[in-house]
Amino acid sequence: MITGMGGIGVPALLDLAGIFVFAVSGALTAVRQRLDVVGMVVLAEITALGGGIMRDLAIGAVPPTAFTSLGYVVTPLAASALVFFWHPQVTRLLPAVLFFDAAGLGLFCATGTGKALAHGLSPLHAVLLGVVTAIGGGVLRDVLSGQIPAVLYDRQLYALPAALGSTVVAAAHVLAAAGGAVTAGAALLAFVLRLLALRYGWRTPRPRGVAD
């Protein structure tokens, strides 16, 4: 049954925030690729929901939340409308695609790990699913828009910040210290690390003997 948005708790609010910022990232990518409004909505929805759908299918949470919660579908539509009408302003306000992508990365790795833990996965497997939640939508966005997925050449730290944020949530769970504050802090940590990597050009190493 499709549910509304009444009685939303902190984890759900963080999830919706991640959906919104990832959807903005997808919609801005559509603008950059000169796609029409249909392409914009498709990229926004896929970017926002793709990773969460992969996670839910992996843990057996079916149907995935994306298909049972009205808010999960409407939020990317709202983000698409925002970008459709005001993308010049959105682009000027922030380093658009990369900023929103980093924000979604941080929020999704934290909330994805928490949901995996809630379904009884081990901390290690929860970290892996947290990373999938964070990067899955971005991978689908890049593939659909004709780009090499950023995670395949993690040259400015994409998967690594997600793994770090997921690890913080899993460690807090092991120490019985999990909660909304930990989830938000882990998301912020991953977000800041990603932005610092972009700002200062931090890179993961290539195999020995392979030139940059």
Protein backbone atom coordinates (compact mmCIF):
# COMPACT_ATOMS: atom_id res chain seq x y z
CA MET A 1 0.00 0.00 0.00
CA ILE A 2 1.29 3.44 -0.86
CA THR A 3 1.75 5.55 2.23
CA GLY A 4 1.78 9.29 2.77
CA MET A 5 4.25 11.35 4.73
CA GLY A 6 2.57 11.64 8.12
CA GLY A 7 4.55 10.84 11.27
CA ILE A 8 7.94 11.09 9.60
CA GLY A 9 10.87 10.45 11.94
CA VAL A 10 14.45 11.68 11.73
CA PRO A 11 15.74 8.73 9.62
CA ALA A 12 12.94 9.21 7.09
CA LEU A 13 13.57 12.95 6.95
CA LEU A 14 17.26 12.33 6.29
CA ASP A 15 16.31 9.85 3.59
CA LEU A 16 14.02 12.38 1.93
CA ALA A 17 16.74 15.02 2.15
CA GLY A 18 19.12 12.64 0.39
CA ILE A 19 16.50 11.90 -2.25
CA PHE A 20 16.00 15.60 -2.88
CA VAL A 21 19.67 16.51 -3.25
CA PHE A 22 20.42 13.48 -5.44
CA ALA A 23 17.40 14.33 -7.58
CA VAL A 24 18.72 17.87 -8.00
CA SER A 25 22.05 16.39 -9.05
CA GLY A 26 20.34 14.21 -11.65
CA ALA A 27 18.19 17.05 -12.95
CA LEU A 28 21.20 19.36 -13.27
CA THR A 29 23.04 16.65 -15.18
CA ALA A 30 20.08 16.54 -17.57
CA VAL A 31 20.38 20.30 -18.08
CA ARG A 32 24.08 19.98 -18.76
CA GLN A 33 23.41 17.19 -21.28
CA ARG A 34 20.68 19.30 -22.92
CA LEU A 35 17.92 16.77 -22.26
CA ASP A 36 14.21 17.65 -22.30
CA VAL A 37 11.84 17.61 -19.33
CA VAL A 38 11.22 13.86 -19.66
CA GLY A 39 14.93 13.14 -19.58
CA MET A 40 15.26 15.47 -16.60
CA VAL A 41 12.58 13.64 -14.60
CA VAL A 42 14.01 10.23 -15.50
CA LEU A 43 17.54 11.20 -14.40
CA ALA A 44 16.23 12.84 -11.24
CA GLU A 45 14.18 9.78 -10.26
CA ILE A 46 16.91 7.28 -11.14
CA THR A 47 19.62 9.23 -9.34
CA ALA A 48 17.49 9.70 -6.25
CA LEU A 49 15.98 6.22 -5.96
CA GLY A 50 18.29 3.82 -7.79
CA GLY A 51 20.66 3.07 -4.91
CA GLY A 52 17.85 2.65 -2.39
CA ILE A 53 16.02 0.24 -4.67
CA MET A 54 19.18 -1.87 -5.02
CA ARG A 55 19.58 -1.91 -1.23
CA ASP A 56 15.97 -2.85 -0.55
CA LEU A 57 16.06 -5.68 -3.06
CA ALA A 58 19.29 -6.97 -1.49
CA ILE A 59 17.87 -7.06 2.05
CA GLY A 60 14.49 -8.40 0.97
CA ALA A 61 12.56 -5.23 1.81
CA VAL A 62 10.06 -5.67 -0.99
CA PRO A 63 8.41 -3.88 -2.53
CA PRO A 64 11.16 -1.25 -2.18
CA THR A 65 10.23 1.88 -0.25
CA ALA A 66 10.46 3.86 -3.49
CA PHE A 67 7.31 2.03 -4.64
CA THR A 68 5.34 2.28 -1.41
CA SER A 69 5.98 5.84 -0.20
CA LEU A 70 4.39 8.76 -1.99
CA GLY A 71 7.06 11.11 -0.68
CA TYR A 72 9.84 9.13 -2.33
CA VAL A 73 8.27 9.66 -5.75
CA VAL A 74 7.06 13.23 -5.28
CA THR A 75 10.34 14.58 -3.88
CA PRO A 76 12.34 13.99 -7.11
CA LEU A 77 9.46 15.55 -9.07
CA ALA A 78 9.70 18.65 -6.87
CA ALA A 79 13.46 18.77 -7.40
CA SER A 80 12.94 18.45 -11.16
CA ALA A 81 10.47 21.34 -11.15
CA LEU A 82 12.91 23.49 -9.19
CA VAL A 83 15.73 22.83 -11.65
CA PHE A 84 13.46 23.10 -14.70
CA PHE A 85 12.39 26.64 -13.86
CA TRP A 86 15.39 27.98 -11.93
CA HIS A 87 18.45 25.99 -13.01
CA PRO A 88 20.50 29.13 -13.78
CA GLN A 89 19.94 30.37 -10.24
CA VAL A 90 20.62 26.94 -8.72
CA THR A 91 23.81 26.63 -10.73
CA ARG A 92 25.02 30.08 -9.67
CA LEU A 93 24.31 29.52 -6.00
CA LEU A 94 26.50 26.41 -5.65
CA PRO A 95 29.01 24.31 -7.58
CA ALA A 96 25.82 22.61 -8.64
CA VAL A 97 26.18 18.97 -9.68
CA LEU A 98 29.19 18.15 -7.52
CA PHE A 99 27.84 19.85 -4.40
CA PHE A 100 24.46 18.15 -4.53
CA ASP A 101 26.03 14.85 -5.47
CA ALA A 102 28.31 15.05 -2.42
CA ALA A 103 25.36 15.87 -0.17
CA GLY A 104 23.35 12.92 -1.48
CA LEU A 105 26.38 10.67 -1.15
CA GLY A 106 26.75 11.51 2.52
CA LEU A 107 23.08 11.21 3.40
CA PHE A 108 22.52 7.97 1.53
CA CYS A 109 25.57 6.11 2.84
CA ALA A 110 24.46 6.85 6.40
CA THR A 111 20.75 6.08 6.04
CA GLY A 112 21.44 3.04 3.83
CA THR A 113 23.77 1.51 6.40
CA GLY A 114 21.25 2.14 9.16
CA LYS A 115 18.48 0.39 7.25
CA ALA A 116 20.71 -2.59 6.46
CA LEU A 117 21.60 -2.90 10.16
CA ALA A 118 17.92 -2.68 11.10
CA HIS A 119 17.28 -5.69 8.84
CA GLY A 120 19.81 -7.78 10.72
CA LEU A 121 22.85 -7.58 8.45
CA SER A 122 26.31 -7.77 9.94
CA PRO A 123 28.19 -4.46 10.28
CA LEU A 124 30.49 -5.33 7.36
CA HIS A 125 27.64 -6.21 5.02
CA ALA A 126 25.71 -3.14 6.18
CA VAL A 127 28.69 -0.95 5.23
CA LEU A 128 28.76 -2.53 1.76
CA LEU A 129 25.05 -1.90 1.27
CA GLY A 130 25.44 1.63 2.58
CA VAL A 131 27.99 2.28 -0.15
CA VAL A 132 25.69 0.72 -2.75
CA THR A 133 22.87 2.97 -1.56
CA ALA A 134 25.10 6.01 -1.90
CA ILE A 135 26.68 5.33 -5.28
CA GLY A 136 24.03 3.24 -7.07
CA GLY A 137 21.89 6.13 -8.25
CA GLY A 138 24.91 8.13 -9.39
CA VAL A 139 26.20 5.17 -11.39
CA LEU A 140 22.85 4.80 -13.15
CA ARG A 141 22.72 8.57 -13.77
CA ASP A 142 26.16 8.59 -15.35
CA VAL A 143 25.45 5.55 -17.53
CA LEU A 144 22.14 6.95 -18.78
CA SER A 145 23.71 10.34 -19.52
CA GLY A 146 26.60 8.79 -21.46
CA GLN A 147 29.36 9.36 -18.91
CA ILE A 148 31.86 7.00 -17.29
CA PRO A 149 30.55 6.37 -13.74
CA ALA A 150 32.65 8.36 -11.31
CA VAL A 151 33.05 5.38 -8.99
CA LEU A 152 35.03 3.46 -11.63
CA TYR A 153 37.87 5.96 -11.47
CA ASP A 154 37.55 7.17 -7.88
CA ARG A 155 40.08 9.89 -8.60
CA GLN A 156 38.56 12.52 -6.35
CA LEU A 157 37.23 10.27 -3.62
CA TYR A 158 33.68 9.15 -4.35
CA ALA A 159 33.27 5.65 -2.97
CA LEU A 160 35.79 6.19 -0.17
CA PRO A 161 33.82 8.95 1.63
CA ALA A 162 30.70 6.77 1.38
CA ALA A 163 32.58 3.83 2.89
CA LEU A 164 33.86 6.01 5.73
CA GLY A 165 30.41 7.39 6.54
CA SER A 166 28.93 3.89 6.44
CA THR A 167 31.67 2.60 8.73
CA VAL A 168 30.90 5.29 11.32
CA VAL A 169 27.23 4.25 11.42
CA ALA A 170 28.13 0.56 11.68
CA ALA A 171 30.70 1.21 14.42
CA ALA A 172 28.17 3.22 16.39
CA HIS A 173 25.74 0.33 16.08
CA VAL A 174 28.32 -2.11 17.46
CA LEU A 175 28.98 0.27 20.37
CA ALA A 176 25.22 0.66 21.00
CA ALA A 177 25.54 4.39 20.29
CA ALA A 178 23.45 4.60 17.14
CA GLY A 179 20.90 7.36 16.69
CA GLY A 180 19.82 10.28 14.57
CA ALA A 181 22.78 12.40 15.64
CA VAL A 182 25.24 9.68 14.63
CA THR A 183 23.52 9.25 11.26
CA ALA A 184 23.63 12.98 10.59
CA GLY A 185 27.25 13.20 11.73
CA ALA A 186 28.31 10.31 9.48
CA ALA A 187 26.52 11.90 6.53
CA LEU A 188 28.26 15.21 7.23
CA LEU A 189 31.65 13.49 7.48
CA ALA A 190 31.26 11.81 4.09
CA PHE A 191 29.96 15.04 2.55
CA VAL A 192 32.85 17.15 3.86
CA LEU A 193 35.47 14.60 2.81
CA ARG A 194 34.07 14.51 -0.71
CA LEU A 195 34.06 18.32 -0.95
CA LEU A 196 37.61 18.57 0.42
CA ALA A 197 38.76 16.00 -2.12
CA LEU A 198 37.24 18.08 -4.89
CA ARG A 199 38.71 21.29 -3.50
CA TYR A 200 42.25 20.04 -2.95
CA GLY A 201 42.47 17.34 -5.62
CA TRP A 202 42.87 14.41 -3.23
CA ARG A 203 43.04 11.18 -5.18
CA THR A 204 43.07 7.46 -4.66
CA PRO A 205 46.21 5.77 -6.00
CA ARG A 206 46.46 4.02 -9.34
CA PRO A 207 48.14 0.59 -9.66
CA ARG A 208 51.92 0.71 -9.44
CA GLY A 209 53.51 1.78 -12.71
CA VAL A 210 50.35 3.36 -14.13
CA ALA A 211 50.88 7.06 -14.80
CA ASP A 212 48.34 9.70 -13.75
